[in-house]
């Protein structure tokens, strides 16, 4: 459930960030920026969870 919520947040945030990207002039550039941002959100989140899993809090 946590991964699903993280993916939902990443999708919403990537959509907003792609829509307001000042450097993108075409729709294709906005879509590419949004997909990269979505991938970064998920990748970094999964990487951090994998690194922090064995840490005994």
PDB file of N, CA and C in Angstrom:
ATOM      1  N   UNK A   1       0.827  -1.190   0.000  1.00  0.00           N
ATOM      2  CA  UNK A   1       0.000   0.000   0.000  1.00  0.00           C
ATOM      3  C   UNK A   1       0.878   1.262   0.000  1.00  0.00           C
ATOM      4  N   UNK A   2       1.997   1.188   0.719  1.00  0.00           N
ATOM      5  CA  UNK A   2       2.872   2.347   0.810  1.00  0.00           C
ATOM      6  C   UNK A   2       3.462   2.691  -0.561  1.00  0.00           C
ATOM      7  N   UNK A   3       3.860   1.683  -1.314  1.00  0.00           N
ATOM      8  CA  UNK A   3       4.452   1.922  -2.633  1.00  0.00           C
ATOM      9  C   UNK A   3       3.408   2.524  -3.576  1.00  0.00           C
ATOM     10  N   UNK A   4       2.174   2.077  -3.460  1.00  0.00           N
ATOM     11  CA  UNK A   4       1.099   2.629  -4.286  1.00  0.00           C
ATOM     12  C   UNK A   4       0.881   4.108  -3.967  1.00  0.00           C
ATOM     13  N   UNK A   5       0.871   4.458  -2.700  1.00  0.00           N
ATOM     14  CA  UNK A   5       0.692   5.855  -2.315  1.00  0.00           C
ATOM     15  C   UNK A   5       1.889   6.703  -2.769  1.00  0.00           C
ATOM     16  N   UNK A   6       3.085   6.135  -2.698  1.00  0.00           N
ATOM     17  CA  UNK A   6       4.269   6.851  -3.158  1.00  0.00           C
ATOM     18  C   UNK A   6       4.192   7.081  -4.669  1.00  0.00           C
ATOM     19  N   UNK A   7       3.718   6.080  -5.408  1.00  0.00           N
ATOM     20  CA  UNK A   7       3.579   6.220  -6.853  1.00  0.00           C
ATOM     21  C   UNK A   7       2.499   7.245  -7.206  1.00  0.00           C
ATOM     22  N   UNK A   8       1.415   7.274  -6.446  1.00  0.00           N
ATOM     23  CA  UNK A   8       0.364   8.257  -6.681  1.00  0.00           C
ATOM     24  C   UNK A   8       0.882   9.673  -6.441  1.00  0.00           C
ATOM     25  N   UNK A   9       1.604   9.864  -5.340  1.00  0.00           N
ATOM     26  CA  UNK A   9       2.190  11.179  -5.059  1.00  0.00           C
ATOM     27  C   UNK A   9       3.184  11.569  -6.154  1.00  0.00           C
ATOM     28  N   UNK A  10       4.000  10.623  -6.577  1.00  0.00           N
ATOM     29  CA  UNK A  10       4.983  10.904  -7.625  1.00  0.00           C
ATOM     30  C   UNK A  10       4.297  11.297  -8.924  1.00  0.00           C
ATOM     31  N   UNK A  11       3.203  10.639  -9.250  1.00  0.00           N
ATOM     32  CA  UNK A  11       2.479  10.962 -10.478  1.00  0.00           C
ATOM     33  C   UNK A  11       1.867  12.355 -10.414  1.00  0.00           C
ATOM     34  N   UNK A  12       1.269  12.689  -9.283  1.00  0.00           N
ATOM     35  CA  UNK A  12       0.664  14.015  -9.138  1.00  0.00           C
ATOM     36  C   UNK A  12       1.736  15.102  -9.162  1.00  0.00           C
ATOM     37  N   UNK A  13       2.806  14.900  -8.420  1.00  0.00           N
ATOM     38  CA  UNK A  13       3.875  15.898  -8.369  1.00  0.00           C
ATOM     39  C   UNK A  13       4.546  16.054  -9.733  1.00  0.00           C
ATOM     40  N   UNK A  14       4.779  14.962 -10.432  1.00  0.00           N
ATOM     41  CA  UNK A  14       5.416  15.029 -11.746  1.00  0.00           C
ATOM     42  C   UNK A  14       4.516  15.735 -12.752  1.00  0.00           C
ATOM     43  N   UNK A  15       3.214  15.519 -12.659  1.00  0.00           N
ATOM     44  CA  UNK A  15       2.280  16.191 -13.558  1.00  0.00           C
ATOM     45  C   UNK A  15       2.301  17.697 -13.342  1.00  0.00           C
ATOM     46  N   UNK A  16       2.278  18.104 -12.082  1.00  0.00           N
ATOM     47  CA  UNK A  16       2.298  19.542 -11.772  1.00  0.00           C
ATOM     48  C   UNK A  16       3.625  20.165 -12.192  1.00  0.00           C
ATOM     49  N   UNK A  17       4.718  19.501 -11.867  1.00  0.00           N
ATOM     50  CA  UNK A  17       6.031  20.052 -12.217  1.00  0.00           C
ATOM     51  C   UNK A  17       6.234  20.113 -13.729  1.00  0.00           C
ATOM     52  N   UNK A  18       5.701  19.144 -14.458  1.00  0.00           N
ATOM     53  CA  UNK A  18       5.811  19.183 -15.920  1.00  0.00           C
ATOM     54  C   UNK A  18       4.949  20.295 -16.506  1.00  0.00           C
ATOM     55  N   UNK A  19       3.812  20.561 -15.896  1.00  0.00           N
ATOM     56  CA  UNK A  19       2.912  21.594 -16.414  1.00  0.00           C
ATOM     57  C   UNK A  19       3.482  22.991 -16.222  1.00  0.00           C
ATOM     58  N   UNK A  20       4.238  23.201 -15.169  1.00  0.00           N
ATOM     59  CA  UNK A  20       4.765  24.541 -14.893  1.00  0.00           C
ATOM     60  C   UNK A  20       6.230  24.697 -15.295  1.00  0.00           C
ATOM     61  N   UNK A  21       6.778  23.721 -15.997  1.00  0.00           N
ATOM     62  CA  UNK A  21       8.182  23.779 -16.420  1.00  0.00           C
ATOM     63  C   UNK A  21       8.389  24.946 -17.388  1.00  0.00           C
ATOM     64  N   UNK A  22       9.181  25.954 -16.986  1.00  0.00           N
ATOM     65  CA  UNK A  22       9.347  27.122 -17.856  1.00  0.00           C
ATOM     66  C   UNK A  22      10.239  26.855 -19.074  1.00  0.00           C
ATOM     67  N   UNK A  23      11.108  25.859 -18.997  1.00  0.00           N
ATOM     68  CA  UNK A  23      12.028  25.611 -20.099  1.00  0.00           C
ATOM     69  C   UNK A  23      11.444  24.774 -21.218  1.00  0.00           C
ATOM     70  N   UNK A  24      10.316  24.126 -20.974  1.00  0.00           N
ATOM     71  CA  UNK A  24       9.709  23.267 -21.989  1.00  0.00           C
ATOM     72  C   UNK A  24       8.797  24.098 -22.884  1.00  0.00           C
ATOM     73  N   UNK A  25       9.064  24.043 -24.168  1.00  0.00           N
ATOM     74  CA  UNK A  25       8.274  24.824 -25.118  1.00  0.00           C
ATOM     75  C   UNK A  25       7.201  23.983 -25.807  1.00  0.00           C
ATOM     76  N   UNK A  26       7.411  22.680 -25.905  1.00  0.00           N
ATOM     77  CA  UNK A  26       6.438  21.828 -26.588  1.00  0.00           C
ATOM     78  C   UNK A  26       5.841  20.835 -25.597  1.00  0.00           C
ATOM     79  N   UNK A  27       4.752  20.234 -26.011  1.00  0.00           N
ATOM     80  CA  UNK A  27       4.101  19.221 -25.173  1.00  0.00           C
ATOM     81  C   UNK A  27       5.005  18.008 -24.999  1.00  0.00           C
ATOM     82  N   UNK A  28       5.727  17.650 -26.044  1.00  0.00           N
ATOM     83  CA  UNK A  28       6.635  16.491 -25.965  1.00  0.00           C
ATOM     84  C   UNK A  28       7.700  16.709 -24.892  1.00  0.00           C
ATOM     85  N   UNK A  29       8.261  17.895 -24.811  1.00  0.00           N
ATOM     86  CA  UNK A  29       9.264  18.196 -23.795  1.00  0.00           C
ATOM     87  C   UNK A  29       8.662  18.122 -22.395  1.00  0.00           C
ATOM     88  N   UNK A  30       7.426  18.582 -22.245  1.00  0.00           N
ATOM     89  CA  UNK A  30       6.761  18.517 -20.943  1.00  0.00           C
ATOM     90  C   UNK A  30       6.510  17.074 -20.522  1.00  0.00           C
ATOM     91  N   UNK A  31       6.105  16.247 -21.476  1.00  0.00           N
ATOM     92  CA  UNK A  31       5.851  14.836 -21.167  1.00  0.00           C
ATOM     93  C   UNK A  31       7.142  14.136 -20.761  1.00  0.00           C
ATOM     94  N   UNK A  32       8.202  14.395 -21.488  1.00  0.00           N
ATOM     95  CA  UNK A  32       9.493  13.788 -21.153  1.00  0.00           C
ATOM     96  C   UNK A  32       9.955  14.245 -19.774  1.00  0.00           C
ATOM     97  N   UNK A  33       9.807  15.524 -19.488  1.00  0.00           N
ATOM     98  CA  UNK A  33      10.191  16.040 -18.170  1.00  0.00           C
ATOM     99  C   UNK A  33       9.346  15.392 -17.072  1.00  0.00           C
ATOM    100  N   UNK A  34       8.048  15.238 -17.307  1.00  0.00           N
ATOM    101  CA  UNK A  34       7.179  14.612 -16.327  1.00  0.00           C
ATOM    102  C   UNK A  34       7.541  13.155 -16.080  1.00  0.00           C
ATOM    103  N   UNK A  35       7.848  12.421 -17.135  1.00  0.00           N
ATOM    104  CA  UNK A  35       8.231  11.020 -16.970  1.00  0.00           C
ATOM    105  C   UNK A  35       9.562  10.877 -16.233  1.00  0.00           C
ATOM    106  N   UNK A  36      10.507  11.760 -16.539  1.00  0.00           N
ATOM    107  CA  UNK A  36      11.783  11.724 -15.818  1.00  0.00           C
ATOM    108  C   UNK A  36      11.582  12.029 -14.337  1.00  0.00           C
ATOM    109  N   UNK A  37      10.772  13.028 -14.044  1.00  0.00           N
ATOM    110  CA  UNK A  37      10.506  13.396 -12.662  1.00  0.00           C
ATOM    111  C   UNK A  37       9.816  12.260 -11.920  1.00  0.00           C
ATOM    112  N   UNK A  38       8.853  11.622 -12.559  1.00  0.00           N
ATOM    113  CA  UNK A  38       8.172  10.474 -11.966  1.00  0.00           C
ATOM    114  C   UNK A  38       9.172   9.364 -11.654  1.00  0.00           C
ATOM    115  N   UNK A  39      10.045   9.076 -12.594  1.00  0.00           N
ATOM    116  CA  UNK A  39      11.064   8.048 -12.381  1.00  0.00           C
ATOM    117  C   UNK A  39      12.020   8.392 -11.256  1.00  0.00           C
ATOM    118  N   UNK A  40      12.408   9.674 -11.178  1.00  0.00           N
ATOM    119  CA  UNK A  40      13.299  10.102 -10.109  1.00  0.00           C
ATOM    120  C   UNK A  40      12.640   9.946  -8.744  1.00  0.00           C
ATOM    121  N   UNK A  41      11.374  10.361  -8.646  1.00  0.00           N
ATOM    122  CA  UNK A  41      10.654  10.220  -7.379  1.00  0.00           C
ATOM    123  C   UNK A  41      10.610   8.760  -6.939  1.00  0.00           C
ATOM    124  N   UNK A  42      10.197   7.880  -7.834  1.00  0.00           N
ATOM    125  CA  UNK A  42      10.093   6.465  -7.477  1.00  0.00           C
ATOM    126  C   UNK A  42      11.459   5.850  -7.213  1.00  0.00           C
ATOM    127  N   UNK A  43      12.413   6.152  -8.072  1.00  0.00           N
ATOM    128  CA  UNK A  43      13.749   5.565  -7.917  1.00  0.00           C
ATOM    129  C   UNK A  43      14.417   5.964  -6.617  1.00  0.00           C
ATOM    130  N   UNK A  44      14.373   7.233  -6.296  1.00  0.00           N
ATOM    131  CA  UNK A  44      15.003   7.701  -5.063  1.00  0.00           C
ATOM    132  C   UNK A  44      14.268   7.162  -3.845  1.00  0.00           C
ATOM    133  N   UNK A  45      12.938   7.125  -3.901  1.00  0.00           N
ATOM    134  CA  UNK A  45      12.162   6.583  -2.784  1.00  0.00           C
ATOM    135  C   UNK A  45      12.469   5.119  -2.534  1.00  0.00           C
ATOM    136  N   UNK A  46      12.527   4.324  -3.602  1.00  0.00           N
ATOM    137  CA  UNK A  46      12.835   2.902  -3.447  1.00  0.00           C
ATOM    138  C   UNK A  46      14.282   2.687  -3.001  1.00  0.00           C
ATOM    139  N   UNK A  47      15.185   3.485  -3.511  1.00  0.00           N
ATOM    140  CA  UNK A  47      16.585   3.367  -3.103  1.00  0.00           C
ATOM    141  C   UNK A  47      16.760   3.690  -1.624  1.00  0.00           C
ATOM    142  N   UNK A  48      16.130   4.772  -1.175  1.00  0.00           N
ATOM    143  CA  UNK A  48      16.227   5.130   0.238  1.00  0.00           C
ATOM    144  C   UNK A  48      15.584   4.085   1.140  1.00  0.00           C
ATOM    145  N   UNK A  49      14.459   3.534   0.716  1.00  0.00           N
ATOM    146  CA  UNK A  49      13.829   2.501   1.541  1.00  0.00           C
ATOM    147  C   UNK A  49      14.698   1.255   1.605  1.00  0.00           C
ATOM    148  N   UNK A  50      15.366   0.908   0.517  1.00  0.00           N
ATOM    149  CA  UNK A  50      16.242  -0.249   0.504  1.00  0.00           C
ATOM    150  C   UNK A  50      17.464  -0.016   1.407  1.00  0.00           C
ATOM    151  N   UNK A  51      17.997   1.195   1.401  1.00  0.00           N
ATOM    152  CA  UNK A  51      19.166   1.508   2.236  1.00  0.00           C
ATOM    153  C   UNK A  51      18.791   1.574   3.707  1.00  0.00           C
ATOM    154  N   UNK A  52      17.648   2.178   4.021  1.00  0.00           N
ATOM    155  CA  UNK A  52      17.268   2.386   5.409  1.00  0.00           C
ATOM    156  C   UNK A  52      16.554   1.200   6.056  1.00  0.00           C
ATOM    157  N   UNK A  53      16.210   0.169   5.291  1.00  0.00           N
ATOM    158  CA  UNK A  53      15.478  -0.968   5.837  1.00  0.00           C
ATOM    159  C   UNK A  53      16.215  -1.649   6.995  1.00  0.00           C
ATOM    160  N   UNK A  54      17.528  -1.904   6.890  1.00  0.00           N
ATOM    161  CA  UNK A  54      18.195  -2.606   7.999  1.00  0.00           C
ATOM    162  C   UNK A  54      18.538  -1.726   9.200  1.00  0.00           C
ATOM    163  N   UNK A  55      18.282  -0.430   9.130  1.00  0.00           N
ATOM    164  CA  UNK A  55      18.621   0.468  10.237  1.00  0.00           C
ATOM    165  C   UNK A  55      17.651   0.216  11.395  1.00  0.00           C
ATOM    166  N   UNK A  56      18.176  -0.152  12.564  1.00  0.00           N
ATOM    167  CA  UNK A  56      17.285  -0.390  13.718  1.00  0.00           C
ATOM    168  C   UNK A  56      16.935   0.915  14.416  1.00  0.00           C
ATOM    169  N   UNK A  57      15.756   1.412  14.196  1.00  0.00           N
ATOM    170  CA  UNK A  57      15.340   2.671  14.804  1.00  0.00           C
ATOM    171  C   UNK A  57      14.972   2.407  16.204  1.00  0.00           C
TER     172      UNK A  57
END
